[in-house]
Amino acid sequence: MGIGTLKQTIIAGAAVVAITMGGGEARAADTDSDLYIEPEMKEYQRSPGVPEDAADLFDLLDDNDDGVIDSGEWRSQKMFVFYARDVDQDYQLTREEIPGIADSIFEAADTNNDGLMSGFEFNQAEFTQFNSVDPDVNQAVNYDEFLLFVFRIETGEPIETSEPAETGEPIKTGAQ
């Protein structure tokens, strides 16, 4: 299954959750319905405890294969990472489903403190925002910058970033 197929599968999988008009409660789609689509993501799901390969992750995020991830690619692709890591397809990540993440990073993302990271929490988490992966603030992340980002996620360490080239003033992001 290629990346394009993964995207189609994830989009189809997202259609599985329906919002009812009466009461506004979320519920799973009727699996007996002709409209139900079972996501086929087994190839992209990793066993809990197996570290994610940074090169494969970079390739997933670099949608146009130009060797850099721009902010548009990051925003459009980051949820594919969530769905690929969601081994049991319950639309929540456990610590086991994202091995190597620092406790402080996971806890900061788990805003309701239930020990799980929902898709919403993942999407809103500081570590999934483009400015956390773009240390030189040039709106393009190369592979070396991406590896620094992975290091920060694994250790919980803040990384030094710089203002755009015209100012040259260093700034710090993350916890001090």
Protein backbone atom coordinates (compact mmCIF):
# COMPACT_ATOMS: atom_id res chain seq x y z
CA MET A 1 0.00 0.00 0.00
CA GLY A 2 1.50 3.32 -1.04
CA ILE A 3 1.25 6.70 0.66
CA GLY A 4 -1.60 7.72 -1.69
CA THR A 5 -3.56 4.63 -0.69
CA LEU A 6 -2.85 5.37 2.97
CA LYS A 7 -4.30 8.85 2.55
CA GLN A 8 -7.43 7.47 0.86
CA THR A 9 -7.81 4.86 3.58
CA ILE A 10 -7.46 7.42 6.37
CA ILE A 11 -9.97 9.74 4.73
CA ALA A 12 -12.36 6.82 4.36
CA GLY A 13 -11.71 5.83 7.99
CA ALA A 14 -12.52 9.32 9.16
CA ALA A 15 -15.91 8.95 7.49
CA VAL A 16 -16.65 6.05 9.85
CA VAL A 17 -17.40 8.38 12.76
CA ALA A 18 -20.75 10.10 12.33
CA ILE A 19 -22.15 13.03 14.32
CA THR A 20 -25.85 12.65 14.98
CA MET A 21 -27.92 15.76 14.51
CA GLY A 22 -30.13 15.07 17.51
CA GLY A 23 -28.09 15.83 20.63
CA GLY A 24 -24.76 16.30 18.88
CA GLU A 25 -23.26 13.08 20.25
CA ALA A 26 -20.50 11.30 18.37
CA ARG A 27 -21.12 7.64 17.61
CA ALA A 28 -19.54 4.97 15.49
CA ALA A 29 -21.10 4.38 12.10
CA ASP A 30 -23.36 1.36 11.66
CA THR A 31 -21.02 -1.45 10.60
CA ASP A 32 -23.91 -3.25 8.87
CA SER A 33 -24.58 -0.27 6.60
CA ASP A 34 -23.55 -0.35 2.94
CA LEU A 35 -21.80 2.97 3.61
CA TYR A 36 -19.47 1.55 6.27
CA ILE A 37 -15.82 1.48 5.16
CA GLU A 38 -13.32 -0.57 7.16
CA PRO A 39 -9.89 1.13 7.08
CA GLU A 40 -7.15 -1.16 5.79
CA MET A 41 -4.13 0.31 7.56
CA LYS A 42 -2.43 -2.85 8.82
CA GLU A 43 0.70 -2.18 6.72
CA TYR A 44 1.11 1.25 8.32
CA GLN A 45 0.35 0.26 11.88
CA ARG A 46 3.32 -0.50 14.05
CA SER A 47 3.41 -2.84 17.01
CA PRO A 48 3.53 -1.04 20.36
CA GLY A 49 7.10 -0.64 21.57
CA VAL A 50 8.67 -0.52 18.11
CA PRO A 51 10.39 2.86 17.47
CA GLU A 52 9.23 4.77 14.42
CA ASP A 53 11.78 5.21 11.64
CA ALA A 54 12.48 8.94 11.24
CA ALA A 55 13.21 8.59 7.51
CA ASP A 56 9.83 6.95 6.80
CA LEU A 57 8.06 9.54 8.91
CA PHE A 58 9.85 12.36 7.08
CA ASP A 59 8.83 10.81 3.73
CA LEU A 60 5.20 10.64 4.87
CA LEU A 61 5.21 14.31 5.87
CA ASP A 62 7.11 15.48 2.74
CA ASP A 63 4.07 15.12 0.50
CA ASN A 64 5.65 16.51 -2.69
CA ASP A 65 8.97 14.64 -2.23
CA ASP A 66 11.13 17.76 -2.57
CA GLY A 67 13.30 16.94 0.46
CA VAL A 68 11.73 19.54 2.76
CA ILE A 69 8.50 19.75 4.72
CA ASP A 70 6.77 23.09 4.40
CA SER A 71 4.06 24.36 6.73
CA GLY A 72 1.27 23.38 4.34
CA GLU A 73 2.54 19.82 4.07
CA TRP A 74 2.93 19.64 7.85
CA ARG A 75 -0.65 20.78 8.47
CA SER A 76 -2.13 18.47 5.83
CA GLN A 77 -0.05 15.40 6.70
CA LYS A 78 0.39 15.38 10.49
CA MET A 79 -2.89 13.56 11.18
CA PHE A 80 -1.72 10.72 8.93
CA VAL A 81 0.96 10.16 11.56
CA PHE A 82 -1.74 9.92 14.24
CA TYR A 83 -3.77 7.37 12.27
CA ALA A 84 -0.70 5.33 11.35
CA ARG A 85 0.30 5.10 15.04
CA ASP A 86 -3.23 4.23 16.22
CA VAL A 87 -2.64 0.47 16.27
CA ASP A 88 -6.02 -0.52 17.69
CA GLN A 89 -7.91 2.05 15.58
CA ASP A 90 -9.75 3.53 18.57
CA TYR A 91 -8.87 7.11 17.57
CA GLN A 92 -6.77 7.55 20.72
CA LEU A 93 -3.05 7.04 21.26
CA THR A 94 -1.61 5.31 24.29
CA ARG A 95 1.99 5.72 25.39
CA GLU A 96 2.66 2.28 23.92
CA GLU A 97 1.40 3.41 20.51
CA ILE A 98 3.93 6.25 20.41
CA PRO A 99 7.05 4.70 21.90
CA GLY A 100 9.94 6.96 22.64
CA ILE A 101 7.86 10.05 23.39
CA ALA A 102 9.02 11.82 26.54
CA ASP A 103 6.58 11.67 29.44
CA SER A 104 6.52 15.47 29.65
CA ILE A 105 5.55 15.78 25.97
CA PHE A 106 2.78 13.17 26.25
CA GLU A 107 1.42 14.67 29.48
CA ALA A 108 1.34 18.18 28.00
CA ALA A 109 -0.65 16.88 25.03
CA ASP A 110 -3.07 14.86 27.20
CA THR A 111 -5.07 17.90 28.26
CA ASN A 112 -7.86 15.96 29.99
CA ASN A 113 -5.37 13.76 31.91
CA ASP A 114 -7.02 10.47 30.97
CA GLY A 115 -3.74 8.81 29.95
CA LEU A 116 -4.74 8.84 26.27
CA MET A 117 -4.09 11.30 23.47
CA SER A 118 -7.18 11.83 21.34
CA GLY A 119 -6.98 12.97 17.74
CA PHE A 120 -8.05 16.43 18.88
CA GLU A 121 -5.37 16.54 21.59
CA PHE A 122 -2.75 15.34 19.10
CA ASN A 123 -3.75 17.95 16.54
CA GLN A 124 -3.66 20.76 19.12
CA ALA A 125 -0.52 19.63 20.99
CA GLU A 126 2.45 22.01 21.01
CA PHE A 127 4.75 19.32 19.62
CA THR A 128 2.56 18.89 16.51
CA GLN A 129 2.60 22.57 15.59
CA PHE A 130 4.86 23.54 12.70
CA ASN A 131 6.78 26.15 14.71
CA SER A 132 8.01 23.38 17.01
CA VAL A 133 9.74 21.59 14.12
CA ASP A 134 11.05 24.65 12.22
CA PRO A 135 13.98 25.88 14.36
CA ASP A 136 15.22 28.54 11.93
CA VAL A 137 11.69 29.81 11.23
CA ASN A 138 12.16 29.70 7.44
CA GLN A 139 8.93 27.77 6.78
CA ALA A 140 10.85 24.74 5.47
CA VAL A 141 12.13 21.75 7.46
CA ASN A 142 14.97 19.68 6.04
CA TYR A 143 15.86 16.19 7.27
CA ASP A 144 18.51 17.40 9.74
CA GLU A 145 16.02 19.81 11.34
CA PHE A 146 13.50 17.00 11.47
CA LEU A 147 15.97 14.78 13.33
CA LEU A 148 16.42 17.57 15.92
CA PHE A 149 12.65 17.64 16.31
CA VAL A 150 12.55 13.86 16.84
CA PHE A 151 15.30 14.22 19.47
CA ARG A 152 13.23 16.85 21.28
CA ILE A 153 10.15 14.61 21.30
CA GLU A 154 12.15 11.69 22.65
CA THR A 155 13.92 13.66 25.37
CA GLY A 156 11.45 16.43 26.19
CA GLU A 157 14.28 18.94 25.75
CA PRO A 158 13.51 22.39 24.29
CA ILE A 159 15.39 23.21 21.13
CA GLU A 160 16.99 26.51 20.19
CA THR A 161 15.35 28.33 17.32
CA SER A 162 16.20 31.55 15.58
CA GLU A 163 14.17 34.39 14.21
CA PRO A 164 14.19 34.66 10.42
CA ALA A 165 17.59 35.55 8.97
CA GLU A 166 17.02 39.31 8.93
CA THR A 167 17.01 39.59 12.75
CA GLY A 168 19.36 36.80 13.75
CA GLU A 169 18.17 37.02 17.39
CA PRO A 170 17.88 33.58 18.99
CA ILE A 171 14.70 32.67 20.79
CA LYS A 172 13.80 29.65 22.90
CA THR A 173 10.73 27.55 22.48
CA GLY A 174 9.21 24.95 24.76
CA ALA A 175 9.67 24.58 28.50
CA GLN A 176 12.50 26.54 30.08
